[in-house]
Each structure stands twice: as C-alpha cells, then as structure tokens.
Amino acid sequence: MISNTLITEEDAKEWQKEFPILRDVIHVGNCSQAPQAKKVRLAIEKYLDNWLTVGMDWEYWVEEVNRSKEEFAKLINASPEEVAITSSVSLATASIIGALPFDEIKSNIVLTEADFPTIGHVSLAQAKRQGFGVDFIPVKNGEIEEADYEKYVNDNTMLTCVTSAYYQNGFKQNLKKIGEIIHQKGSIYYVDAYQDIGTSHIDVKEMDIDILTTGNLKYLLGMPGIAFIYVKKELSERLEPSITGWFGMKNPFSFEIKNLDYAPDTRRFDTGTPAILTAFAARAGMEIINKVGPKNIEERIDRLSIFTLDLMRTKGMDIASPLDIKRKGAVTAIRVPNPHDVERKLKEKQIIASARGDVIRIAPHFFTTQENLKIVVDELEDVLKV
C-alpha cells in the first residue's frame, strides 16, 4: 500500500484509462455498482480460461479464494485468519446473529434506521425464531446522533449494528468513537461497511471493531455475489455458527459427515463451496484500492465533496447530505421529484447516477475529476428545469 500521496486531477484522468466505460460515460453511481476495471476483467478471464483449458483445478481456485481473503485483510488491517467469505451481507448477518449466545441477560440487539434494510430484515427474522428483542436508533435530520448510542445500547444488548455510512445521503459515522460507547455498554460491535469501504480508511484494530462485513460491487470495484466477514480472533473462537458448511470445518476435505468440527478461527463462518469466479474479481478490485491507498482515496473524496457541494449550493439544489465533510462519505444526495426518472434522463446524457428513495445520489470515486462533476451538476440542473 502506498503512503499518503495526494491524488491529483491528472492522476484521476490517468486512472480513468483503467475503466473502458469512462471513455464515453461519466460514472457517479459507484454507490450502486463500480465501473468495470481492465484488471478485474482480466482476473475473471483468467478463471474462465483456466476452467476452459484445465477443466478442474480446485487447488488453484481455492488458493485464489484465500488470496482474496488476504487482500481484504490487508485493506482493513486484519489477519487473513480473521476473514471468512460468503455471498452477501444478508447471509453474513444471518450467520453472525445465528451464532450469538442469547440468554436472559443479553437479550436484545440494537440497529439504526440508517442501516441498509437487509440488516433489519435479517435481524427481525432471526428474532422471531430466537426470541430476542430488536431496537432501532432513529435517524434525525438524515443523521444518527452519537448520544443515542448511549441511550439505546445497554447491559442487555448482545450486538449493536452500525453502518459506516448512510446509504441514502452519505452521512458518515465516527466508527472509533461509537465503538468506545458500545464497548463501554458491554455489547459486541458490528459494522456494515458496504456503503463506503474503498473510499474511507477503515482499520479494525485501531477502531476496535469486533465484526465487520461488506460486499465488493461498489467502491471496492468488484461484482455481485461475494462478501467478506471479519471477526476478531478472540471473539470468533467463542461463536458457533448455525449457518455453516463443509468449508467452515477444521478440515473440509476430511468429509466427516457426523463430525461438527469448526475451524479454529473466523474461517468457521465460511459455508459451502466458495464464490470462486467472484473471488478472482474481488481480489483484483481490492488490489487497485490497496495500491492507491484508502487514506489517499478518502482525502480525494473529501475534496470532491467540497467541490460538488459548492457547485450545488450555487445552483440552489436541495442537498440531503451533511454539509460537514467530516460527517460525509462519497455520496452527495439531492432531493428531486421522481428520482428514478431523473436517473433515466441522466443516463440518456451518458451520466450514470443512482436514485434511492426521494433523492438522486452522486457518488464519485478516486478516478472522478472535478470536470466530470461540473458536467454532472450542470446536466442535473438542466434535467430538473424540464
């Protein structure tokens, strides 16, 4: 990973050559799906060529899955032994909650209204079966107040789920500070980092995060069908997943059907045959992010946010995102009538943005230029005038 290095406009233009679609399109829908990188496509083709010519190469394929775990571990400053792989954050969350030892004292979990809905759906479904309570910290004016963690998390809280950034408007939380509050209450600290990892520096050791999950199709430059689970080593050893499979066992290839022998580390949260093709893509995408450096990308995103917010304010747009850069991620959200129509009309102008709820989201990445963003804001203004 490179040291702190300012990403310039020229650097961004040079990086755009890595993403063929950017020759013709301005892509600011990274909060939904990143553009395809040449490196990622080559990784996918590498798997397909191997499958075509070798036919069956399980040892090599599983080795590549393990390499993707290593790349993810590097991204968040974890050990590869603390990383498991699955298909989605939904399944990861179900697996985590299903492994928790609820009792009469630790009898509830806490979510926030800013969490992506799947976290709520999975939690409520599990609560029906296991009999624990689910409390929601409210969103107030598009944000979560840190003081509300003090209010809602208590001695009965087994797990507190925190989104690193609000998917609707990009509101970004102070993960280290929130973790201190949660741990003081005796709760396990679970972070869903899907909404900003790849544009934000996340260090699970520095921030003392117990569990972290994310997928790869957004700012990590990957594709759907793969997600990663980090569980702190000393915690994973105490958890016994009920959603499991042969790759979660100590020795998957012993084929002992009558023996539930969990792996000694976070690999116990692996399940069945891993997502091999998507692991090839995930590793390649994360290699790009690690090469550029999350701290460098975060600094770049902050500068692009300042530039975008200034443009939008001069045009009188209805900004739904925080104006304080320290509380804002990559997304700049604008309240508009008929957001999906706005998304479609922008696409006709060769601009990829993302509608969600009552907003249109503009989500650049490190390769986005200020010139790109000026065009986007100007075209958005024209669309809204019609």
Protein backbone atom coordinates (compact mmCIF):
# COMPACT_ATOMS: atom_id res chain seq x y z
CA MET A 1 0.00 0.00 0.00
CA ILE A 2 1.39 3.42 -0.90
CA SER A 3 2.00 6.13 1.68
CA ASN A 4 -0.06 9.31 1.92
CA THR A 5 0.06 10.80 -1.57
CA LEU A 6 -2.25 13.46 -2.91
CA ILE A 7 -4.34 12.18 -5.84
CA THR A 8 -4.33 14.98 -8.39
CA GLU A 9 -6.69 15.72 -11.26
CA GLU A 10 -4.06 14.37 -13.64
CA ASP A 11 -3.78 11.18 -11.59
CA ALA A 12 -7.56 10.75 -11.80
CA LYS A 13 -7.52 11.23 -15.58
CA GLU A 14 -4.74 8.67 -15.89
CA TRP A 15 -6.65 6.16 -13.74
CA GLN A 16 -9.73 6.59 -15.95
CA LYS A 17 -7.86 4.66 -18.65
CA GLU A 18 -8.24 1.58 -16.41
CA PHE A 19 -12.04 1.74 -16.83
CA PRO A 20 -13.07 1.47 -20.50
CA ILE A 21 -16.62 2.72 -19.98
CA LEU A 22 -15.25 6.08 -18.80
CA ARG A 23 -14.25 6.92 -22.38
CA ASP A 24 -17.92 7.54 -23.14
CA VAL A 25 -19.70 7.83 -19.80
CA ILE A 26 -19.35 9.78 -16.56
CA HIS A 27 -19.86 7.22 -13.81
CA VAL A 28 -21.01 8.66 -10.47
CA GLY A 29 -23.15 5.69 -9.47
CA ASN A 30 -20.38 3.96 -7.52
CA CYS A 31 -22.70 3.68 -4.51
CA SER A 32 -24.58 1.01 -6.51
CA GLN A 33 -22.01 -0.56 -8.83
CA ALA A 34 -18.49 0.46 -9.77
CA PRO A 35 -17.39 0.54 -13.41
CA GLN A 36 -15.51 -2.46 -14.72
CA ALA A 37 -11.74 -2.20 -14.47
CA LYS A 38 -9.45 -3.85 -17.02
CA LYS A 39 -7.63 -5.57 -14.16
CA VAL A 40 -10.90 -7.03 -12.85
CA ARG A 41 -11.94 -8.25 -16.29
CA LEU A 42 -8.55 -9.91 -16.81
CA ALA A 43 -8.94 -11.69 -13.46
CA ILE A 44 -12.34 -13.03 -14.49
CA GLU A 45 -10.94 -14.16 -17.84
CA LYS A 46 -8.06 -15.85 -16.03
CA TYR A 47 -10.52 -18.04 -14.16
CA LEU A 48 -12.61 -18.72 -17.28
CA ASP A 49 -9.51 -19.64 -19.32
CA ASN A 50 -8.29 -21.95 -16.59
CA TRP A 51 -11.70 -23.63 -16.35
CA LEU A 52 -11.75 -23.96 -20.15
CA THR A 53 -8.29 -25.45 -20.54
CA VAL A 54 -7.71 -27.33 -17.27
CA GLY A 55 -11.32 -28.26 -16.60
CA MET A 56 -11.00 -28.85 -12.88
CA ASP A 57 -8.37 -27.05 -10.83
CA TRP A 58 -9.77 -26.88 -7.31
CA GLU A 59 -6.45 -26.43 -5.54
CA TYR A 60 -5.66 -23.33 -7.64
CA TRP A 61 -9.21 -21.96 -7.34
CA VAL A 62 -9.32 -22.31 -3.55
CA GLU A 63 -5.86 -20.76 -3.36
CA GLU A 64 -7.25 -17.72 -5.22
CA VAL A 65 -10.16 -17.51 -2.76
CA ASN A 66 -7.62 -17.43 0.07
CA ARG A 67 -5.68 -14.70 -1.74
CA SER A 68 -8.83 -12.62 -1.92
CA LYS A 69 -9.17 -13.03 1.86
CA GLU A 70 -5.57 -11.86 2.25
CA GLU A 71 -6.26 -8.77 0.12
CA PHE A 72 -9.34 -7.93 2.17
CA ALA A 73 -7.40 -8.45 5.40
CA LYS A 74 -4.75 -6.01 4.14
CA LEU A 75 -7.48 -3.46 3.35
CA ILE A 76 -8.83 -3.40 6.92
CA ASN A 77 -5.59 -4.24 8.83
CA ALA A 78 -6.70 -7.72 9.90
CA SER A 79 -5.16 -11.17 9.79
CA PRO A 80 -6.34 -13.49 6.96
CA GLU A 81 -7.32 -15.99 9.68
CA GLU A 82 -9.88 -13.43 10.87
CA VAL A 83 -11.65 -13.35 7.49
CA ALA A 84 -14.41 -15.54 6.08
CA ILE A 85 -16.11 -15.38 2.71
CA THR A 86 -19.78 -15.57 1.78
CA SER A 87 -22.17 -14.45 -0.95
CA SER A 88 -23.83 -11.36 0.55
CA VAL A 89 -24.01 -9.17 3.65
CA SER A 90 -27.53 -10.56 4.19
CA LEU A 91 -26.14 -14.09 4.59
CA ALA A 92 -23.19 -12.80 6.61
CA THR A 93 -25.52 -11.04 9.04
CA ALA A 94 -27.75 -14.10 9.40
CA SER A 95 -24.69 -16.23 10.10
CA ILE A 96 -23.36 -13.82 12.73
CA ILE A 97 -26.67 -13.38 14.55
CA GLY A 98 -27.34 -17.11 14.41
CA ALA A 99 -24.06 -17.73 16.25
CA LEU A 100 -24.77 -15.40 19.18
CA PRO A 101 -25.43 -16.99 22.61
CA PHE A 102 -28.51 -15.01 23.69
CA ASP A 103 -29.65 -15.51 27.28
CA GLU A 104 -31.85 -13.81 29.89
CA ILE A 105 -29.33 -11.00 30.35
CA LYS A 106 -28.04 -10.48 26.82
CA SER A 107 -31.48 -10.50 25.25
CA ASN A 108 -31.59 -7.86 22.52
CA ILE A 109 -29.73 -6.29 19.60
CA VAL A 110 -29.64 -2.65 18.51
CA LEU A 111 -29.76 -1.42 14.92
CA THR A 112 -30.15 2.05 13.44
CA GLU A 113 -32.70 3.35 10.98
CA ALA A 114 -29.74 4.26 8.77
CA ASP A 115 -28.76 0.60 8.33
CA PHE A 116 -29.44 -0.88 4.92
CA PRO A 117 -32.88 -2.57 5.14
CA THR A 118 -31.46 -6.09 4.77
CA ILE A 119 -29.89 -5.75 8.24
CA GLY A 120 -33.33 -5.09 9.71
CA HIS A 121 -35.00 -7.86 7.73
CA VAL A 122 -32.43 -10.47 8.78
CA SER A 123 -32.50 -9.32 12.42
CA LEU A 124 -36.29 -9.37 12.69
CA ALA A 125 -36.49 -12.81 11.06
CA GLN A 126 -33.88 -14.19 13.45
CA ALA A 127 -35.60 -12.52 16.41
CA LYS A 128 -38.82 -14.38 15.57
CA ARG A 129 -37.03 -17.71 15.89
CA GLN A 130 -34.61 -16.96 18.75
CA GLY A 131 -36.85 -14.71 20.85
CA PHE A 132 -34.54 -11.73 21.31
CA GLY A 133 -35.57 -8.08 21.08
CA VAL A 134 -34.66 -5.61 18.32
CA ASP A 135 -34.37 -1.86 19.00
CA PHE A 136 -33.81 0.83 16.36
CA ILE A 137 -31.88 4.07 16.90
CA PRO A 138 -33.77 6.75 14.93
CA VAL A 139 -32.48 8.84 12.06
CA LYS A 140 -32.85 12.53 12.89
CA ASN A 141 -32.46 15.06 10.08
CA GLY A 142 -30.66 12.48 7.99
CA GLU A 143 -28.14 11.56 10.71
CA ILE A 144 -27.67 9.39 13.79
CA GLU A 145 -26.84 11.27 16.97
CA GLU A 146 -23.91 9.70 18.84
CA ALA A 147 -25.67 10.41 22.13
CA ASP A 148 -28.40 7.99 21.08
CA TYR A 149 -25.96 5.09 21.24
CA GLU A 150 -25.62 5.93 24.95
CA LYS A 151 -29.41 5.87 25.22
CA TYR A 152 -30.28 2.72 23.28
CA VAL A 153 -27.33 0.39 23.96
CA ASN A 154 -27.44 -1.05 27.48
CA ASP A 155 -26.39 -4.03 29.61
CA ASN A 156 -28.94 -6.24 27.83
CA THR A 157 -27.54 -5.54 24.35
CA MET A 158 -25.78 -8.53 22.82
CA LEU A 159 -24.95 -6.90 19.47
CA THR A 160 -25.01 -3.35 18.11
CA CYS A 161 -25.11 -2.98 14.31
CA VAL A 162 -23.64 0.22 12.87
CA THR A 163 -23.48 1.28 9.25
CA SER A 164 -20.28 3.12 8.39
CA ALA A 165 -22.27 5.44 6.09
CA TYR A 166 -25.98 6.01 5.45
CA TYR A 167 -26.86 4.61 2.03
CA GLN A 168 -29.41 7.34 1.29
CA ASN A 169 -27.44 10.52 1.89
CA GLY A 170 -23.84 9.54 2.64
CA PHE A 171 -23.90 10.52 6.33
CA LYS A 172 -20.68 9.07 7.74
CA GLN A 173 -20.22 7.88 11.32
CA ASN A 174 -17.21 8.13 13.62
CA LEU A 175 -16.57 4.40 13.96
CA LYS A 176 -13.88 4.65 16.62
CA LYS A 177 -15.89 6.92 18.91
CA ILE A 178 -19.09 4.90 18.51
CA GLY A 179 -17.18 1.69 19.21
CA GLU A 180 -15.96 3.11 22.51
CA ILE A 181 -19.56 3.81 23.57
CA ILE A 182 -20.76 0.37 22.52
CA HIS A 183 -17.94 -1.47 24.28
CA GLN A 184 -18.49 0.53 27.48
CA LYS A 185 -22.00 -0.92 27.46
CA GLY A 186 -20.67 -4.46 27.09
CA SER A 187 -22.07 -5.03 23.58
CA ILE A 188 -20.43 -6.69 20.58
CA TYR A 189 -19.67 -4.06 17.91
CA TYR A 190 -20.74 -4.97 14.36
CA VAL A 191 -20.02 -2.67 11.40
CA ASP A 192 -21.61 -2.93 7.95
CA ALA A 193 -19.01 -1.09 5.85
CA TYR A 194 -20.65 -1.70 2.46
CA GLN A 195 -21.63 1.93 1.88
CA ASP A 196 -18.17 3.50 1.95
CA ILE A 197 -15.34 0.96 2.22
CA GLY A 198 -12.93 1.67 -0.62
CA THR A 199 -13.41 5.43 -0.21
CA SER A 200 -12.70 5.54 3.51
CA HIS A 201 -9.87 4.42 5.78
CA ILE A 202 -11.13 1.59 8.00
CA ASP A 203 -8.74 -0.08 10.44
CA VAL A 204 -10.47 -2.73 12.55
CA LYS A 205 -7.66 -2.77 15.11
CA GLU A 206 -7.39 0.98 15.53
CA MET A 207 -11.20 1.30 15.69
CA ASP A 208 -11.58 -1.84 17.86
CA ILE A 209 -14.31 -3.31 15.64
CA ASP A 210 -15.44 -6.81 16.66
CA ILE A 211 -17.20 -7.79 13.45
CA LEU A 212 -17.22 -6.17 10.01
CA THR A 213 -18.97 -7.19 6.81
CA THR A 214 -19.05 -5.82 3.30
CA GLY A 215 -19.62 -6.76 -0.31
CA ASN A 216 -17.43 -5.79 -3.26
CA LEU A 217 -19.56 -4.43 -6.07
CA LYS A 218 -19.45 -0.77 -5.00
CA TYR A 219 -16.32 1.17 -4.09
CA LEU A 220 -14.17 -1.99 -3.97
CA LEU A 221 -14.52 -2.29 -7.76
CA GLY A 222 -15.79 -5.88 -7.74
CA MET A 223 -19.00 -7.59 -8.76
CA PRO A 224 -22.12 -9.04 -7.10
CA GLY A 225 -22.07 -12.44 -5.44
CA ILE A 226 -19.30 -12.12 -2.86
CA ALA A 227 -18.98 -10.63 0.62
CA PHE A 228 -16.39 -10.78 3.39
CA ILE A 229 -16.77 -11.26 7.14
CA TYR A 230 -14.17 -10.09 9.62
CA VAL A 231 -14.49 -11.42 13.18
CA LYS A 232 -11.92 -10.54 15.84
CA LYS A 233 -9.96 -13.72 16.64
CA GLU A 234 -10.73 -13.81 20.35
CA LEU A 235 -14.45 -13.43 19.59
CA SER A 236 -14.70 -15.93 16.72
CA GLU A 237 -13.35 -18.67 18.97
CA ARG A 238 -16.43 -18.25 21.21
CA LEU A 239 -19.06 -18.31 18.45
CA GLU A 240 -20.63 -21.40 16.91
CA PRO A 241 -22.43 -20.62 13.64
CA SER A 242 -25.69 -22.43 12.92
CA ILE A 243 -25.40 -21.39 9.28
CA THR A 244 -22.34 -23.36 8.28
CA GLY A 245 -20.98 -25.85 5.77
CA TRP A 246 -18.00 -28.00 4.92
CA PHE A 247 -15.63 -25.08 4.26
CA GLY A 248 -16.33 -23.87 7.80
CA MET A 249 -14.87 -27.03 9.28
CA LYS A 250 -11.34 -27.56 10.61
CA ASN A 251 -10.54 -29.88 7.72
CA PRO A 252 -13.12 -29.54 4.91
CA PHE A 253 -11.59 -32.37 2.91
CA SER A 254 -11.85 -34.95 5.66
CA PHE A 255 -15.52 -35.38 4.62
CA GLU A 256 -16.62 -36.42 8.11
CA ILE A 257 -20.40 -36.09 7.87
CA LYS A 258 -21.04 -36.93 11.54
CA ASN A 259 -18.49 -34.53 12.99
CA LEU A 260 -19.23 -30.81 13.51
CA ASP A 261 -15.65 -29.66 13.94
CA TYR A 262 -15.49 -25.87 13.44
CA ALA A 263 -12.35 -24.23 12.12
CA PRO A 264 -10.39 -22.66 15.00
CA ASP A 265 -10.67 -19.11 13.60
CA THR A 266 -13.07 -16.93 11.59
CA ARG A 267 -12.98 -19.49 8.78
CA ARG A 268 -15.75 -21.21 10.79
CA PHE A 269 -18.06 -18.62 9.16
CA ASP A 270 -17.27 -19.98 5.71
CA THR A 271 -20.11 -22.17 4.48
CA GLY A 272 -20.24 -24.24 1.28
CA THR A 273 -18.22 -24.09 -1.91
CA PRO A 274 -16.93 -20.51 -2.10
CA ALA A 275 -17.76 -17.98 -4.80
CA ILE A 276 -14.69 -18.67 -6.91
CA LEU A 277 -15.20 -16.52 -10.01
CA THR A 278 -16.27 -13.53 -7.92
CA ALA A 279 -13.25 -14.05 -5.65
CA PHE A 280 -10.98 -13.58 -8.67
CA ALA A 281 -12.77 -10.30 -9.43
CA ALA A 282 -12.83 -9.19 -5.79
CA ARG A 283 -9.11 -9.67 -5.31
CA ALA A 284 -8.30 -7.67 -8.45
CA GLY A 285 -10.56 -4.78 -7.44
CA MET A 286 -9.17 -4.64 -3.91
CA GLU A 287 -5.61 -4.70 -5.26
CA ILE A 288 -6.38 -1.42 -7.04
CA ILE A 289 -7.79 0.13 -3.86
CA ASN A 290 -4.85 -1.05 -1.77
CA LYS A 291 -2.39 0.23 -4.38
CA VAL A 292 -3.93 3.72 -4.43
CA GLY A 293 -4.42 3.64 -0.65
CA PRO A 294 -7.68 4.11 1.29
CA LYS A 295 -6.33 7.15 3.17
CA ASN A 296 -5.41 8.80 -0.12
CA ILE A 297 -8.80 7.98 -1.59
CA GLU A 298 -10.60 9.33 1.47
CA GLU A 299 -8.73 12.62 1.15
CA ARG A 300 -9.59 12.75 -2.56
CA ILE A 301 -13.28 12.06 -1.85
CA ASP A 302 -13.36 14.86 0.74
CA ARG A 303 -12.02 17.35 -1.81
CA LEU A 304 -14.50 16.19 -4.44
CA SER A 305 -17.32 16.51 -1.88
CA ILE A 306 -16.36 20.10 -1.10
CA PHE A 307 -16.25 20.91 -4.82
CA THR A 308 -19.63 19.24 -5.50
CA LEU A 309 -21.40 20.79 -2.53
CA ASP A 310 -20.17 24.25 -3.52
CA LEU A 311 -21.48 23.79 -7.07
CA MET A 312 -24.85 22.53 -5.88
CA ARG A 313 -25.30 25.33 -3.37
CA THR A 314 -24.67 27.97 -6.04
CA LYS A 315 -27.44 26.39 -8.08
CA GLY A 316 -29.84 26.27 -5.14
CA MET A 317 -30.21 22.48 -5.17
CA ASP A 318 -31.94 20.75 -2.26
CA ILE A 319 -28.99 18.93 -0.66
CA ALA A 320 -29.92 16.00 1.58
CA SER A 321 -26.33 15.12 2.59
CA PRO A 322 -24.40 16.54 5.55
CA LEU A 323 -22.56 19.75 4.72
CA ASP A 324 -19.81 18.97 7.25
CA ILE A 325 -17.19 16.98 5.30
CA LYS A 326 -16.12 15.13 8.46
CA ARG A 327 -19.65 13.66 8.64
CA LYS A 328 -19.99 12.86 4.94
CA GLY A 329 -18.88 10.00 2.72
CA ALA A 330 -18.71 9.75 -1.08
CA VAL A 331 -22.45 10.20 -1.70
CA THR A 332 -23.90 13.65 -2.31
CA ALA A 333 -27.67 13.28 -2.35
CA ILE A 334 -30.11 15.78 -3.86
CA ARG A 335 -33.85 15.73 -3.19
CA VAL A 336 -35.65 15.69 -6.52
CA PRO A 337 -39.13 14.87 -7.80
CA ASN A 338 -39.31 11.43 -9.42
CA PRO A 339 -35.68 10.35 -8.72
CA HIS A 340 -35.84 7.30 -10.99
CA ASP A 341 -36.94 9.49 -13.91
CA VAL A 342 -34.01 11.78 -13.15
CA GLU A 343 -31.66 8.78 -13.12
CA ARG A 344 -33.02 7.67 -16.51
CA LYS A 345 -32.70 11.14 -18.05
CA LEU A 346 -29.12 11.48 -16.82
CA LYS A 347 -28.33 8.09 -18.34
CA GLU A 348 -29.58 9.40 -21.68
CA LYS A 349 -26.93 12.11 -21.27
CA GLN A 350 -24.23 9.44 -20.67
CA ILE A 351 -24.17 10.02 -16.92
CA ILE A 352 -24.60 7.10 -14.52
CA ALA A 353 -26.06 8.22 -11.18
CA SER A 354 -28.20 6.34 -8.65
CA ALA A 355 -31.73 7.04 -7.41
CA ARG A 356 -32.74 5.97 -3.91
CA GLY A 357 -35.88 6.98 -2.04
CA ASP A 358 -36.55 10.67 -2.67
CA VAL A 359 -33.00 11.53 -3.80
CA ILE A 360 -30.61 11.20 -6.69
CA ARG A 361 -27.17 10.17 -5.45
CA ILE A 362 -23.93 11.45 -6.98
CA ALA A 363 -21.14 9.13 -5.83
CA PRO A 364 -17.69 9.72 -7.35
CA HIS A 365 -14.57 7.62 -6.81
CA PHE A 366 -10.87 8.50 -6.78
CA PHE A 367 -10.80 8.46 -10.60
CA THR A 368 -13.59 11.04 -10.93
CA THR A 369 -12.44 14.55 -11.90
CA GLN A 370 -13.80 17.94 -10.94
CA GLU A 371 -14.55 18.48 -14.62
CA ASN A 372 -16.71 15.32 -14.56
CA LEU A 373 -18.61 16.60 -11.54
CA LYS A 374 -19.20 20.03 -13.05
CA ILE A 375 -20.75 18.38 -16.11
CA VAL A 376 -22.91 16.17 -13.88
CA VAL A 377 -24.21 19.09 -11.82
CA ASP A 378 -24.87 21.21 -14.93
CA GLU A 379 -26.76 18.39 -16.63
CA LEU A 380 -28.69 17.65 -13.43
CA GLU A 381 -29.73 21.29 -13.30
CA ASP A 382 -31.00 21.07 -16.90
CA VAL A 383 -32.95 17.88 -16.16
CA LEU A 384 -34.61 19.47 -13.14
CA LYS A 385 -35.66 22.52 -15.18
CA VAL A 386 -37.73 20.41 -17.59
